[in-house]
Amino acid sequence: MKILVLDDHLLVREGLRHVLQELDEEGVAVLAAGSARAAFALADEHTDIDLMLLDLNLPDMHGIAALDEFGRRHPDIPVVMLSGNEDHASMRNAFDHGAAGFITKSTLSDQLVAALRLVFAGGIYVPPQLFEATDRLAQPASATGPRQEDRLGLTERQQEVLQMVLKGKTNKEICRLLELAEPTV
């Protein structure tokens, strides 16, 4: 497994190198770059990259522009955005531009590993911060309109999963409670 990490902070790149080893017992090859230019060169040189972790704020190119460029050059490689920024607009923008996930730098390492496993299984990791507050979803139906869950168009099972996510349950906890496979969650 080979992962390209693009972040302008050396400490973040080195920390991720260690955390990413948890993804595979046989080891993970981590390529690291501090600029978009260096990352593009590495990606062109290493055609066997399985995933890219891309910082939103870079010194030589905005992360969304880098996401677009990387998508044009290497459309088969999933890209997960990294950011210290937790605003919903940035998250939605990254997904609109094809990100396979958005991970905030306040995420715990075990949550990062679980999120990347989901992406490797073909899923898209949406951070809990992007969901609306639990109390808005838990509001009962009124006589004037449908419940929030109904407006989202979710099945009953999807609503159960969403409620657990909003309560802070991990994917593994949800799997155990609902007897589902982790990629399904």
N, C-alpha and C. Protein backbone atom coordinates (compact mmCIF):
# COMPACT_ATOMS: atom_id res chain seq x y z
N MET A 1 0.85 -1.16 0.00
CA MET A 1 0.00 0.00 0.00
C MET A 1 0.90 1.23 0.00
N LYS A 2 0.58 2.18 -0.88
CA LYS A 2 1.40 3.39 -1.00
C LYS A 2 0.49 4.61 -0.91
N ILE A 3 0.85 5.53 -0.01
CA ILE A 3 0.07 6.73 0.23
C ILE A 3 0.96 7.96 0.04
N LEU A 4 0.43 8.92 -0.69
CA LEU A 4 1.11 10.20 -0.88
C LEU A 4 0.49 11.22 0.07
N VAL A 5 1.34 11.84 0.89
CA VAL A 5 0.89 12.85 1.84
C VAL A 5 1.41 14.20 1.38
N LEU A 6 0.50 15.13 1.15
CA LEU A 6 0.87 16.49 0.76
C LEU A 6 0.41 17.44 1.86
N ASP A 7 1.38 17.92 2.63
CA ASP A 7 1.11 18.89 3.69
C ASP A 7 2.37 19.74 3.84
N ASP A 8 2.21 21.02 4.02
CA ASP A 8 3.38 21.89 4.10
C ASP A 8 4.06 21.88 5.46
N HIS A 9 3.50 21.19 6.43
CA HIS A 9 4.11 21.10 7.76
C HIS A 9 4.82 19.76 7.94
N LEU A 10 6.10 19.83 8.16
CA LEU A 10 6.92 18.62 8.32
C LEU A 10 6.43 17.76 9.48
N LEU A 11 6.06 18.37 10.58
CA LEU A 11 5.59 17.61 11.74
C LEU A 11 4.34 16.81 11.40
N VAL A 12 3.42 17.40 10.64
CA VAL A 12 2.20 16.69 10.23
C VAL A 12 2.56 15.52 9.33
N ARG A 13 3.45 15.76 8.36
CA ARG A 13 3.86 14.67 7.45
C ARG A 13 4.49 13.52 8.23
N GLU A 14 5.38 13.84 9.16
CA GLU A 14 6.04 12.80 9.94
C GLU A 14 5.06 12.08 10.86
N GLY A 15 4.15 12.81 11.48
CA GLY A 15 3.14 12.19 12.33
C GLY A 15 2.24 11.26 11.54
N LEU A 16 1.82 11.69 10.37
CA LEU A 16 0.98 10.84 9.53
C LEU A 16 1.72 9.59 9.08
N ARG A 17 3.01 9.72 8.80
CA ARG A 17 3.81 8.56 8.40
C ARG A 17 3.69 7.45 9.45
N HIS A 18 3.73 7.82 10.71
CA HIS A 18 3.65 6.82 11.79
C HIS A 18 2.22 6.28 11.95
N VAL A 19 1.25 7.15 11.91
CA VAL A 19 -0.15 6.72 12.08
C VAL A 19 -0.58 5.80 10.93
N LEU A 20 -0.15 6.12 9.72
CA LEU A 20 -0.58 5.35 8.55
C LEU A 20 -0.06 3.92 8.56
N GLN A 21 0.95 3.63 9.34
CA GLN A 21 1.46 2.26 9.45
C GLN A 21 0.41 1.32 10.03
N GLU A 22 -0.56 1.87 10.75
CA GLU A 22 -1.63 1.06 11.34
C GLU A 22 -2.59 0.49 10.30
N LEU A 23 -2.54 1.00 9.08
CA LEU A 23 -3.45 0.54 8.03
C LEU A 23 -3.14 -0.86 7.54
N ASP A 24 -1.88 -1.27 7.64
CA ASP A 24 -1.48 -2.55 7.05
C ASP A 24 -0.36 -3.14 7.88
N GLU A 25 -0.54 -4.39 8.31
CA GLU A 25 0.48 -5.07 9.12
C GLU A 25 1.80 -5.21 8.38
N GLU A 26 1.74 -5.32 7.06
CA GLU A 26 2.96 -5.49 6.27
C GLU A 26 3.65 -4.16 6.01
N GLY A 27 3.05 -3.09 6.42
CA GLY A 27 3.66 -1.77 6.27
C GLY A 27 3.04 -0.97 5.14
N VAL A 28 3.16 0.31 5.29
CA VAL A 28 2.63 1.25 4.32
C VAL A 28 3.79 2.11 3.85
N ALA A 29 3.94 2.24 2.56
CA ALA A 29 4.94 3.15 2.02
C ALA A 29 4.31 4.53 1.95
N VAL A 30 4.94 5.49 2.61
CA VAL A 30 4.42 6.85 2.63
C VAL A 30 5.38 7.75 1.88
N LEU A 31 4.86 8.39 0.85
CA LEU A 31 5.60 9.41 0.12
C LEU A 31 5.12 10.74 0.66
N ALA A 32 6.01 11.66 0.91
CA ALA A 32 5.61 12.93 1.51
C ALA A 32 6.15 14.10 0.71
N ALA A 33 5.31 15.12 0.59
CA ALA A 33 5.70 16.33 -0.12
C ALA A 33 5.17 17.54 0.64
N GLY A 34 5.93 18.64 0.56
CA GLY A 34 5.54 19.87 1.23
C GLY A 34 4.93 20.90 0.29
N SER A 35 4.87 20.57 -0.99
CA SER A 35 4.28 21.50 -1.96
C SER A 35 3.55 20.70 -3.03
N ALA A 36 2.61 21.37 -3.70
CA ALA A 36 1.86 20.70 -4.77
C ALA A 36 2.80 20.28 -5.89
N ARG A 37 3.72 21.14 -6.24
CA ARG A 37 4.67 20.83 -7.32
C ARG A 37 5.43 19.54 -7.01
N ALA A 38 5.93 19.40 -5.78
CA ALA A 38 6.67 18.20 -5.39
C ALA A 38 5.76 16.97 -5.38
N ALA A 39 4.52 17.15 -4.95
CA ALA A 39 3.57 16.02 -4.91
C ALA A 39 3.23 15.54 -6.30
N PHE A 40 3.02 16.47 -7.23
CA PHE A 40 2.72 16.07 -8.61
C PHE A 40 3.89 15.30 -9.21
N ALA A 41 5.10 15.73 -8.92
CA ALA A 41 6.28 15.03 -9.43
C ALA A 41 6.35 13.62 -8.85
N LEU A 42 6.10 13.47 -7.56
CA LEU A 42 6.10 12.15 -6.94
C LEU A 42 5.02 11.26 -7.54
N ALA A 43 3.83 11.81 -7.73
CA ALA A 43 2.72 11.03 -8.28
C ALA A 43 3.01 10.60 -9.71
N ASP A 44 3.66 11.45 -10.48
CA ASP A 44 4.02 11.09 -11.86
C ASP A 44 5.09 10.00 -11.88
N GLU A 45 5.98 10.04 -10.89
CA GLU A 45 7.07 9.07 -10.81
C GLU A 45 6.61 7.71 -10.26
N HIS A 46 5.70 7.74 -9.30
CA HIS A 46 5.21 6.52 -8.65
C HIS A 46 3.78 6.24 -9.14
N THR A 47 3.66 5.35 -10.08
CA THR A 47 2.35 5.07 -10.68
C THR A 47 1.50 4.11 -9.84
N ASP A 48 2.03 3.64 -8.73
CA ASP A 48 1.31 2.67 -7.90
C ASP A 48 0.77 3.27 -6.60
N ILE A 49 0.53 4.56 -6.57
CA ILE A 49 -0.03 5.21 -5.38
C ILE A 49 -1.49 4.79 -5.22
N ASP A 50 -1.85 4.43 -3.98
CA ASP A 50 -3.21 3.96 -3.69
C ASP A 50 -4.13 5.05 -3.15
N LEU A 51 -3.55 6.11 -2.58
CA LEU A 51 -4.35 7.15 -1.94
C LEU A 51 -3.49 8.39 -1.76
N MET A 52 -4.14 9.54 -1.80
CA MET A 52 -3.45 10.80 -1.51
C MET A 52 -4.16 11.51 -0.39
N LEU A 53 -3.38 11.98 0.59
CA LEU A 53 -3.88 12.85 1.64
C LEU A 53 -3.40 14.25 1.29
N LEU A 54 -4.32 15.19 1.15
CA LEU A 54 -4.02 16.50 0.61
C LEU A 54 -4.47 17.60 1.56
N ASP A 55 -3.52 18.42 2.01
CA ASP A 55 -3.82 19.54 2.88
C ASP A 55 -4.59 20.61 2.10
N LEU A 56 -5.55 21.23 2.74
CA LEU A 56 -6.36 22.25 2.09
C LEU A 56 -5.57 23.54 1.85
N ASN A 57 -4.68 23.87 2.77
CA ASN A 57 -3.91 25.13 2.66
C ASN A 57 -2.45 24.83 2.38
N LEU A 58 -2.05 25.14 1.17
CA LEU A 58 -0.68 24.87 0.72
C LEU A 58 0.00 26.19 0.35
N PRO A 59 1.34 26.21 0.40
CA PRO A 59 2.04 27.46 0.08
C PRO A 59 2.03 27.81 -1.41
N ASP A 60 1.98 26.83 -2.29
CA ASP A 60 2.11 27.12 -3.72
C ASP A 60 0.83 26.94 -4.52
N MET A 61 -0.23 26.42 -3.90
CA MET A 61 -1.48 26.20 -4.62
C MET A 61 -2.56 25.90 -3.59
N HIS A 62 -3.75 26.44 -3.79
CA HIS A 62 -4.84 26.13 -2.86
C HIS A 62 -5.17 24.64 -2.99
N GLY A 63 -5.56 24.02 -1.89
CA GLY A 63 -5.85 22.59 -1.88
C GLY A 63 -6.92 22.16 -2.86
N ILE A 64 -7.95 22.99 -3.08
CA ILE A 64 -9.01 22.63 -4.02
C ILE A 64 -8.46 22.63 -5.44
N ALA A 65 -7.62 23.60 -5.77
CA ALA A 65 -6.98 23.62 -7.09
C ALA A 65 -6.08 22.40 -7.26
N ALA A 66 -5.37 22.04 -6.20
CA ALA A 66 -4.51 20.85 -6.25
C ALA A 66 -5.36 19.59 -6.40
N LEU A 67 -6.50 19.54 -5.72
CA LEU A 67 -7.43 18.41 -5.85
C LEU A 67 -7.90 18.27 -7.29
N ASP A 68 -8.28 19.39 -7.90
CA ASP A 68 -8.72 19.37 -9.29
C ASP A 68 -7.60 18.88 -10.22
N GLU A 69 -6.41 19.43 -10.04
CA GLU A 69 -5.27 19.06 -10.90
C GLU A 69 -4.90 17.60 -10.71
N PHE A 70 -4.86 17.15 -9.47
CA PHE A 70 -4.52 15.76 -9.21
C PHE A 70 -5.58 14.84 -9.82
N GLY A 71 -6.85 15.24 -9.73
CA GLY A 71 -7.93 14.46 -10.32
C GLY A 71 -7.81 14.34 -11.83
N ARG A 72 -7.34 15.41 -12.47
CA ARG A 72 -7.13 15.36 -13.92
C ARG A 72 -5.96 14.44 -14.28
N ARG A 73 -4.90 14.53 -13.50
CA ARG A 73 -3.69 13.74 -13.79
C ARG A 73 -3.82 12.27 -13.40
N HIS A 74 -4.50 12.03 -12.28
CA HIS A 74 -4.59 10.67 -11.72
C HIS A 74 -6.02 10.40 -11.24
N PRO A 75 -6.94 10.25 -12.17
CA PRO A 75 -8.36 10.14 -11.79
C PRO A 75 -8.71 8.88 -11.01
N ASP A 76 -7.87 7.86 -11.04
CA ASP A 76 -8.20 6.61 -10.35
C ASP A 76 -7.72 6.57 -8.91
N ILE A 77 -7.01 7.59 -8.48
CA ILE A 77 -6.47 7.61 -7.12
C ILE A 77 -7.39 8.45 -6.23
N PRO A 78 -7.95 7.86 -5.18
CA PRO A 78 -8.80 8.65 -4.28
C PRO A 78 -7.97 9.68 -3.51
N VAL A 79 -8.58 10.85 -3.30
CA VAL A 79 -7.92 11.92 -2.57
C VAL A 79 -8.77 12.27 -1.36
N VAL A 80 -8.14 12.28 -0.20
CA VAL A 80 -8.79 12.67 1.04
C VAL A 80 -8.18 14.00 1.48
N MET A 81 -9.02 14.98 1.72
CA MET A 81 -8.56 16.29 2.14
C MET A 81 -8.25 16.28 3.63
N LEU A 82 -7.20 17.01 4.00
CA LEU A 82 -6.81 17.24 5.39
C LEU A 82 -6.91 18.72 5.66
N SER A 83 -7.39 19.10 6.82
CA SER A 83 -7.43 20.53 7.12
C SER A 83 -7.60 20.78 8.60
N GLY A 84 -7.00 21.85 9.04
CA GLY A 84 -7.25 22.35 10.38
C GLY A 84 -8.55 23.15 10.42
N ASN A 85 -9.06 23.45 9.25
CA ASN A 85 -10.29 24.21 9.09
C ASN A 85 -11.48 23.24 9.17
N GLU A 86 -12.44 23.55 10.02
CA GLU A 86 -13.59 22.66 10.19
C GLU A 86 -14.89 23.27 9.70
N ASP A 87 -14.81 24.31 8.85
CA ASP A 87 -16.05 24.93 8.42
C ASP A 87 -16.74 24.08 7.35
N HIS A 88 -18.04 24.08 7.40
CA HIS A 88 -18.85 23.22 6.52
C HIS A 88 -18.70 23.58 5.05
N ALA A 89 -18.52 24.85 4.74
CA ALA A 89 -18.38 25.26 3.34
C ALA A 89 -17.13 24.64 2.71
N SER A 90 -16.03 24.61 3.45
CA SER A 90 -14.79 24.00 2.94
C SER A 90 -14.98 22.52 2.71
N MET A 91 -15.66 21.87 3.63
CA MET A 91 -15.90 20.43 3.50
C MET A 91 -16.75 20.14 2.27
N ARG A 92 -17.86 20.87 2.13
CA ARG A 92 -18.74 20.66 0.98
C ARG A 92 -18.02 20.95 -0.32
N ASN A 93 -17.20 21.99 -0.34
CA ASN A 93 -16.44 22.35 -1.53
C ASN A 93 -15.50 21.22 -1.93
N ALA A 94 -14.83 20.63 -0.96
CA ALA A 94 -13.93 19.51 -1.25
C ALA A 94 -14.69 18.34 -1.87
N PHE A 95 -15.86 18.02 -1.32
CA PHE A 95 -16.66 16.93 -1.87
C PHE A 95 -17.17 17.27 -3.26
N ASP A 96 -17.54 18.53 -3.46
CA ASP A 96 -18.00 18.96 -4.79
C ASP A 96 -16.91 18.81 -5.84
N HIS A 97 -15.65 18.86 -5.41
CA HIS A 97 -14.52 18.74 -6.34
C HIS A 97 -13.95 17.32 -6.38
N GLY A 98 -14.67 16.37 -5.80
CA GLY A 98 -14.29 14.97 -5.96
C GLY A 98 -13.51 14.33 -4.83
N ALA A 99 -13.39 14.98 -3.70
CA ALA A 99 -12.67 14.37 -2.58
C ALA A 99 -13.39 13.11 -2.12
N ALA A 100 -12.62 12.11 -1.73
CA ALA A 100 -13.18 10.86 -1.22
C ALA A 100 -13.35 10.91 0.30
N GLY A 101 -12.98 12.03 0.88
CA GLY A 101 -13.12 12.20 2.31
C GLY A 101 -12.58 13.55 2.73
N PHE A 102 -12.92 13.93 3.94
CA PHE A 102 -12.42 15.18 4.52
C PHE A 102 -12.12 14.88 5.97
N ILE A 103 -10.87 15.03 6.35
CA ILE A 103 -10.45 14.72 7.71
C ILE A 103 -9.85 15.97 8.33
N THR A 104 -10.41 16.36 9.46
CA THR A 104 -9.87 17.52 10.15
C THR A 104 -8.65 17.11 10.96
N LYS A 105 -7.77 18.05 11.18
CA LYS A 105 -6.54 17.75 11.91
C LYS A 105 -6.79 17.57 13.40
N SER A 106 -8.02 17.77 13.84
CA SER A 106 -8.38 17.49 15.23
C SER A 106 -8.87 16.05 15.40
N THR A 107 -8.89 15.29 14.31
CA THR A 107 -9.34 13.90 14.34
C THR A 107 -8.33 13.02 15.08
N LEU A 108 -8.83 12.12 15.89
CA LEU A 108 -7.96 11.17 16.58
C LEU A 108 -7.39 10.16 15.58
N SER A 109 -6.21 9.62 15.89
CA SER A 109 -5.54 8.73 14.95
C SER A 109 -6.35 7.48 14.62
N ASP A 110 -7.06 6.90 15.60
CA ASP A 110 -7.85 5.71 15.29
C ASP A 110 -9.03 6.04 14.38
N GLN A 111 -9.59 7.26 14.52
CA GLN A 111 -10.65 7.68 13.62
C GLN A 111 -10.11 7.92 12.21
N LEU A 112 -8.91 8.45 12.12
CA LEU A 112 -8.26 8.65 10.82
C LEU A 112 -8.08 7.32 10.12
N VAL A 113 -7.57 6.34 10.83
CA VAL A 113 -7.35 5.01 10.25
C VAL A 113 -8.67 4.40 9.81
N ALA A 114 -9.72 4.50 10.63
CA ALA A 114 -11.03 3.96 10.25
C ALA A 114 -11.58 4.68 9.02
N ALA A 115 -11.40 5.99 8.95
CA ALA A 115 -11.87 6.76 7.79
C ALA A 115 -11.16 6.32 6.52
N LEU A 116 -9.85 6.12 6.61
CA LEU A 116 -9.10 5.71 5.43
C LEU A 116 -9.43 4.28 5.02
N ARG A 117 -9.71 3.42 5.98
CA ARG A 117 -10.15 2.06 5.63
C ARG A 117 -11.47 2.11 4.86
N LEU A 118 -12.35 2.99 5.27
CA LEU A 118 -13.61 3.17 4.56
C LEU A 118 -13.35 3.61 3.12
N VAL A 119 -12.45 4.55 2.93
CA VAL A 119 -12.12 5.03 1.58
C VAL A 119 -11.50 3.91 0.76
N PHE A 120 -10.59 3.14 1.37
CA PHE A 120 -9.98 2.01 0.66
C PHE A 120 -11.02 0.96 0.27
N ALA A 121 -12.11 0.87 1.03
CA ALA A 121 -13.18 -0.08 0.71
C ALA A 121 -14.14 0.47 -0.33
N GLY A 122 -13.85 1.67 -0.85
CA GLY A 122 -14.68 2.25 -1.89
C GLY A 122 -15.69 3.26 -1.39
N GLY A 123 -15.68 3.55 -0.09
CA GLY A 123 -16.63 4.50 0.47
C GLY A 123 -16.11 5.92 0.45
N ILE A 124 -16.92 6.81 0.94
CA ILE A 124 -16.55 8.22 1.09
C ILE A 124 -16.71 8.56 2.56
N TYR A 125 -15.66 9.15 3.14
CA TYR A 125 -15.71 9.51 4.55
C TYR A 125 -16.20 10.95 4.69
N VAL A 126 -17.34 11.09 5.35
CA VAL A 126 -17.90 12.40 5.65
C VAL A 126 -17.75 12.63 7.14
N PRO A 127 -17.06 13.69 7.54
CA PRO A 127 -16.84 13.91 8.98
C PRO A 127 -18.13 14.24 9.71
N PRO A 128 -18.21 13.86 10.97
CA PRO A 128 -19.42 14.12 11.75
C PRO A 128 -19.77 15.60 11.84
N GLN A 129 -18.75 16.47 11.77
CA GLN A 129 -18.99 17.91 11.87
C GLN A 129 -19.90 18.41 10.75
N LEU A 130 -19.94 17.69 9.65
CA LEU A 130 -20.73 18.15 8.51
C LEU A 130 -22.23 17.88 8.70
N PHE A 131 -22.54 16.97 9.58
CA PHE A 131 -23.95 16.69 9.84
C PHE A 131 -24.54 17.76 10.74
N GLU A 132 -25.80 18.01 10.57
CA GLU A 132 -26.47 18.98 11.44
C GLU A 132 -26.56 18.42 12.84
N ALA A 133 -26.83 19.31 13.78
CA ALA A 133 -26.91 18.92 15.19
C ALA A 133 -27.99 17.87 15.40
N THR A 134 -27.74 16.97 16.34
CA THR A 134 -28.66 15.87 16.62
C THR A 134 -30.06 16.37 16.97
N ASP A 135 -30.14 17.44 17.71
CA ASP A 135 -31.47 17.88 18.13
C ASP A 135 -32.34 18.33 16.97
N ARG A 136 -31.76 18.84 15.89
CA ARG A 136 -32.57 19.23 14.73
C ARG A 136 -33.12 18.00 14.03
N LEU A 137 -32.33 16.92 13.98
CA LEU A 137 -32.82 15.70 13.34
C LEU A 137 -33.82 14.97 14.21
N ALA A 138 -33.72 15.18 15.50
CA ALA A 138 -34.59 14.44 16.42
C ALA A 138 -35.94 15.13 16.62
N GLN A 139 -36.15 16.27 15.99
CA GLN A 139 -37.42 16.96 16.16
C GLN A 139 -38.57 16.10 15.62
N PRO A 140 -39.66 16.05 16.35
CA PRO A 140 -40.81 15.25 15.87
C PRO A 140 -41.46 15.91 14.66
N ALA A 141 -42.20 15.10 13.92
CA ALA A 141 -42.93 15.61 12.76
C ALA A 141 -43.98 16.60 13.22
N SER A 142 -44.13 17.63 12.45
CA SER A 142 -45.18 18.61 12.79
C SER A 142 -46.35 18.41 11.84
N ALA A 143 -47.43 19.01 12.18
CA ALA A 143 -48.61 18.89 11.34
C ALA A 143 -48.42 19.63 10.02
N THR A 144 -47.42 20.52 9.98
CA THR A 144 -47.24 21.33 8.78
C THR A 144 -46.21 20.78 7.81
N GLY A 145 -45.45 19.77 8.20
CA GLY A 145 -44.44 19.29 7.27
C GLY A 145 -43.80 17.99 7.70
N PRO A 146 -43.01 17.38 6.81
CA PRO A 146 -42.36 16.10 7.11
C PRO A 146 -41.21 16.27 8.10
N ARG A 147 -40.87 15.17 8.74
CA ARG A 147 -39.72 15.17 9.63
C ARG A 147 -38.45 15.42 8.82
N GLN A 148 -37.38 15.91 9.48
CA GLN A 148 -36.10 16.19 8.82
C GLN A 148 -35.57 14.92 8.14
N GLU A 149 -35.67 13.76 8.81
CA GLU A 149 -35.16 12.52 8.23
C GLU A 149 -35.88 12.19 6.92
N ASP A 150 -37.18 12.42 6.88
CA ASP A 150 -37.94 12.14 5.68
C ASP A 150 -37.52 13.06 4.55
N ARG A 151 -37.24 14.32 4.86
CA ARG A 151 -36.80 15.26 3.83
C ARG A 151 -35.43 14.88 3.29
N LEU A 152 -34.61 14.21 4.09
CA LEU A 152 -33.29 13.79 3.61
C LEU A 152 -33.39 12.62 2.64
N GLY A 153 -34.51 11.92 2.60
CA GLY A 153 -34.68 10.80 1.69
C GLY A 153 -33.94 9.55 2.13
N LEU A 154 -33.71 9.39 3.41
CA LEU A 154 -32.99 8.24 3.93
C LEU A 154 -33.94 7.10 4.26
N THR A 155 -33.43 5.88 4.08
CA THR A 155 -34.20 4.72 4.51
C THR A 155 -34.19 4.68 6.03
N GLU A 156 -35.03 3.83 6.58
CA GLU A 156 -35.08 3.71 8.04
C GLU A 156 -33.73 3.26 8.60
N ARG A 157 -33.06 2.33 7.91
CA ARG A 157 -31.75 1.84 8.37
C ARG A 157 -30.70 2.94 8.29
N GLN A 158 -30.73 3.73 7.21
CA GLN A 158 -29.79 4.83 7.08
C GLN A 158 -30.01 5.87 8.18
N GLN A 159 -31.27 6.07 8.55
CA GLN A 159 -31.58 6.99 9.63
C GLN A 159 -31.01 6.48 10.96
N GLU A 160 -31.08 5.16 11.19
CA GLU A 160 -30.51 4.58 12.40
C GLU A 160 -29.01 4.83 12.46
N VAL A 161 -28.33 4.60 11.33
CA VAL A 161 -26.88 4.81 11.27
C VAL A 161 -26.56 6.28 11.50
N LEU A 162 -27.29 7.17 10.84
CA LEU A 162 -27.06 8.60 10.99
C LEU A 162 -27.24 9.03 12.44
N GLN A 163 -28.27 8.56 13.10
CA GLN A 163 -28.49 8.92 14.49
C GLN A 163 -27.30 8.49 15.37
N MET A 164 -26.75 7.31 15.09
CA MET A 164 -25.62 6.83 15.88
C MET A 164 -24.36 7.65 15.59
N VAL A 165 -24.17 8.02 14.33
CA VAL A 165 -23.03 8.87 13.97
C VAL A 165 -23.13 10.20 14.71
N LEU A 166 -24.32 10.76 14.71
CA LEU A 166 -24.53 12.04 15.37
C LEU A 166 -24.36 11.96 16.88
N LYS A 167 -24.51 10.78 17.43
CA LYS A 167 -24.28 10.58 18.86
C LYS A 167 -22.82 10.29 19.17
N GLY A 168 -21.98 10.29 18.12
CA GLY A 168 -20.54 10.12 18.33
C GLY A 168 -20.07 8.68 18.31
N LYS A 169 -20.91 7.74 17.91
CA LYS A 169 -20.50 6.34 17.83
C LYS A 169 -19.50 6.15 16.71
N THR A 170 -18.52 5.28 16.92
CA THR A 170 -17.57 4.96 15.86
C THR A 170 -18.20 3.97 14.89
N ASN A 171 -17.59 3.82 13.73
CA ASN A 171 -18.10 2.85 12.75
C ASN A 171 -18.14 1.45 13.35
N LYS A 172 -17.11 1.09 14.10
CA LYS A 172 -17.07 -0.25 14.70
C LYS A 172 -18.20 -0.45 15.70
N GLU A 173 -18.49 0.58 16.49
CA GLU A 173 -19.59 0.48 17.45
C GLU A 173 -20.92 0.32 16.71
N ILE A 174 -21.09 1.08 15.66
CA ILE A 174 -22.33 0.99 14.88
C ILE A 174 -22.46 -0.39 14.26
N CYS A 175 -21.36 -0.91 13.75
CA CYS A 175 -21.37 -2.26 13.16
C CYS A 175 -21.85 -3.29 14.17
N ARG A 176 -21.29 -3.22 15.37
CA ARG A 176 -21.68 -4.19 16.39
C ARG A 176 -23.14 -4.03 16.79
N LEU A 177 -23.58 -2.79 16.99
CA LEU A 177 -24.94 -2.55 17.44
C LEU A 177 -26.00 -2.92 16.40
N LEU A 178 -25.69 -2.67 15.14
CA LEU A 178 -26.68 -2.93 14.08
C LEU A 178 -26.38 -4.20 13.28
N GLU A 179 -25.31 -4.88 13.65
CA GLU A 179 -24.90 -6.11 12.97
C GLU A 179 -24.69 -5.87 11.47
N LEU A 180 -23.87 -4.87 11.17
CA LEU A 180 -23.54 -4.52 9.80
C LEU A 180 -22.04 -4.63 9.56
N ALA A 181 -21.64 -4.75 8.32
CA ALA A 181 -20.23 -4.73 7.97
C ALA A 181 -19.74 -3.27 7.97
N GLU A 182 -18.47 -3.06 8.31
CA GLU A 182 -17.96 -1.70 8.40
C GLU A 182 -18.09 -0.91 7.09
N PRO A 183 -17.78 -1.49 5.92
CA PRO A 183 -17.98 -0.72 4.68
C PRO A 183 -19.43 -0.29 4.46
N THR A 184 -20.37 -1.07 4.96
CA THR A 184 -21.78 -0.72 4.83
C THR A 184 -22.09 0.53 5.65
N VAL A 185 -21.54 0.58 6.85
CA VAL A 185 -21.76 1.74 7.72
C VAL A 185 -21.13 2.96 7.07
